[in-house]
Amino acid sequence: MDEEQRVKIRILPDNRVSRVDGGKMLNRTPKTMADWKTKGWGPRPIMVGGRVFYDYHETLSMARGEKPIVPKERDW
């Protein structure tokens, strides 16, 4: 049975969340979020002033399972 979990996060006025809050949403550590960034996984990073943020709606979509965390491989 899926159980919904409430997590307290800070959403900035332009709908960004920090790496820590994005990790909380996806039940991952900030280090995992950093590792995913190098692999091209997870929500797309938004760089602002040398810090990494994520779009709240994209991260929420991944947390709900509506969007895959790992992108599908392309058929080249």
C-alpha atoms as a PDB file:
ATOM      1  CA  MET A   1       0.000   0.000   0.000  1.00  0.00           C
ATOM      2  CA  ASP A   2       1.475   3.363  -1.028  1.00  0.00           C
ATOM      3  CA  GLU A   3       1.656   5.794   1.816  1.00  0.00           C
ATOM      4  CA  GLU A   4       1.896   9.517   1.187  1.00  0.00           C
ATOM      5  CA  GLN A   5       4.612  11.263   3.170  1.00  0.00           C
ATOM      6  CA  ARG A   6       4.619  14.978   3.950  1.00  0.00           C
ATOM      7  CA  VAL A   7       7.940  16.783   3.682  1.00  0.00           C
ATOM      8  CA  LYS A   8       8.592  20.399   4.617  1.00  0.00           C
ATOM      9  CA  ILE A   9      10.416  22.227   1.843  1.00  0.00           C
ATOM     10  CA  ARG A  10      11.050  25.833   0.824  1.00  0.00           C
ATOM     11  CA  ILE A  11       9.783  26.876  -2.603  1.00  0.00           C
ATOM     12  CA  LEU A  12      11.255  30.132  -3.882  1.00  0.00           C
ATOM     13  CA  PRO A  13       8.976  32.711  -5.589  1.00  0.00           C
ATOM     14  CA  ASP A  14      10.114  31.584  -9.058  1.00  0.00           C
ATOM     15  CA  ASN A  15       9.242  27.923  -8.261  1.00  0.00           C
ATOM     16  CA  ARG A  16      12.813  26.798  -7.591  1.00  0.00           C
ATOM     17  CA  VAL A  17      13.850  24.409  -4.832  1.00  0.00           C
ATOM     18  CA  SER A  18      17.361  23.885  -3.487  1.00  0.00           C
ATOM     19  CA  ARG A  19      19.350  20.694  -3.901  1.00  0.00           C
ATOM     20  CA  VAL A  20      18.551  19.794  -0.276  1.00  0.00           C
ATOM     21  CA  ASP A  21      14.809  20.366  -0.739  1.00  0.00           C
ATOM     22  CA  GLY A  22      14.767  18.607  -4.120  1.00  0.00           C
ATOM     23  CA  GLY A  23      16.443  15.653  -2.442  1.00  0.00           C
ATOM     24  CA  LYS A  24      13.828  15.673   0.315  1.00  0.00           C
ATOM     25  CA  MET A  25      11.074  15.594  -2.301  1.00  0.00           C
ATOM     26  CA  LEU A  26      12.654  12.581  -4.009  1.00  0.00           C
ATOM     27  CA  ASN A  27      13.752  10.930  -0.738  1.00  0.00           C
ATOM     28  CA  ARG A  28      17.418  11.256  -1.728  1.00  0.00           C
ATOM     29  CA  THR A  29      20.473  12.943  -0.222  1.00  0.00           C
ATOM     30  CA  PRO A  30      22.004  16.139  -1.628  1.00  0.00           C
ATOM     31  CA  LYS A  31      25.031  14.039  -2.672  1.00  0.00           C
ATOM     32  CA  THR A  32      22.800  11.728  -4.689  1.00  0.00           C
ATOM     33  CA  MET A  33      21.254  14.782  -6.359  1.00  0.00           C
ATOM     34  CA  ALA A  34      24.777  16.012  -7.218  1.00  0.00           C
ATOM     35  CA  ASP A  35      25.694  12.579  -8.621  1.00  0.00           C
ATOM     36  CA  TRP A  36      22.520  12.517 -10.705  1.00  0.00           C
ATOM     37  CA  LYS A  37      23.403  15.940 -12.133  1.00  0.00           C
ATOM     38  CA  THR A  38      26.672  14.555 -13.535  1.00  0.00           C
ATOM     39  CA  LYS A  39      24.808  11.587 -15.071  1.00  0.00           C
ATOM     40  CA  GLY A  40      22.007  13.666 -16.555  1.00  0.00           C
ATOM     41  CA  TRP A  41      19.403  12.051 -14.287  1.00  0.00           C
ATOM     42  CA  GLY A  42      16.730  13.629 -12.132  1.00  0.00           C
ATOM     43  CA  PRO A  43      15.281  17.093 -12.545  1.00  0.00           C
ATOM     44  CA  ARG A  44      17.184  19.502 -14.766  1.00  0.00           C
ATOM     45  CA  PRO A  45      19.537  21.657 -12.695  1.00  0.00           C
ATOM     46  CA  ILE A  46      19.162  25.439 -12.686  1.00  0.00           C
ATOM     47  CA  MET A  47      22.412  27.226 -11.844  1.00  0.00           C
ATOM     48  CA  VAL A  48      22.037  30.552 -10.010  1.00  0.00           C
ATOM     49  CA  GLY A  49      25.043  32.280  -8.486  1.00  0.00           C
ATOM     50  CA  GLY A  50      27.065  29.058  -8.412  1.00  0.00           C
ATOM     51  CA  ARG A  51      24.292  27.160  -6.590  1.00  0.00           C
ATOM     52  CA  VAL A  52      22.120  24.391  -7.994  1.00  0.00           C
ATOM     53  CA  PHE A  53      18.331  24.561  -7.888  1.00  0.00           C
ATOM     54  CA  TYR A  54      15.541  22.518  -9.459  1.00  0.00           C
ATOM     55  CA  ASP A  55      12.134  23.393 -10.828  1.00  0.00           C
ATOM     56  CA  TYR A  56       9.545  22.542  -8.187  1.00  0.00           C
ATOM     57  CA  HIS A  57       6.937  21.228 -10.633  1.00  0.00           C
ATOM     58  CA  GLU A  58       9.396  18.986 -12.487  1.00  0.00           C
ATOM     59  CA  THR A  59      10.728  17.595  -9.201  1.00  0.00           C
ATOM     60  CA  LEU A  60       7.195  17.024  -7.891  1.00  0.00           C
ATOM     61  CA  SER A  61       6.297  15.213 -11.112  1.00  0.00           C
ATOM     62  CA  MET A  62       9.255  12.865 -10.584  1.00  0.00           C
ATOM     63  CA  ALA A  63       8.361  12.368  -6.920  1.00  0.00           C
ATOM     64  CA  ARG A  64       4.839  11.341  -7.942  1.00  0.00           C
ATOM     65  CA  GLY A  65       6.193   8.927 -10.558  1.00  0.00           C
ATOM     66  CA  GLU A  66       4.660  10.874 -13.444  1.00  0.00           C
ATOM     67  CA  LYS A  67       8.050  11.584 -15.019  1.00  0.00           C
ATOM     68  CA  PRO A  68      11.010   9.166 -15.047  1.00  0.00           C
ATOM     69  CA  ILE A  69      14.099  10.029 -13.003  1.00  0.00           C
ATOM     70  CA  VAL A  70      16.388   8.234 -15.430  1.00  0.00           C
ATOM     71  CA  PRO A  71      15.827   9.368 -19.028  1.00  0.00           C
ATOM     72  CA  LYS A  72      15.135   6.745 -21.648  1.00  0.00           C
ATOM     73  CA  GLU A  73      18.159   5.856 -23.769  1.00  0.00           C
ATOM     74  CA  ARG A  74      18.045   7.111 -27.312  1.00  0.00           C
ATOM     75  CA  ASP A  75      18.155   4.736 -30.252  1.00  0.00           C
ATOM     76  CA  TRP A  76      20.996   6.128 -32.348  1.00  0.00           C
END
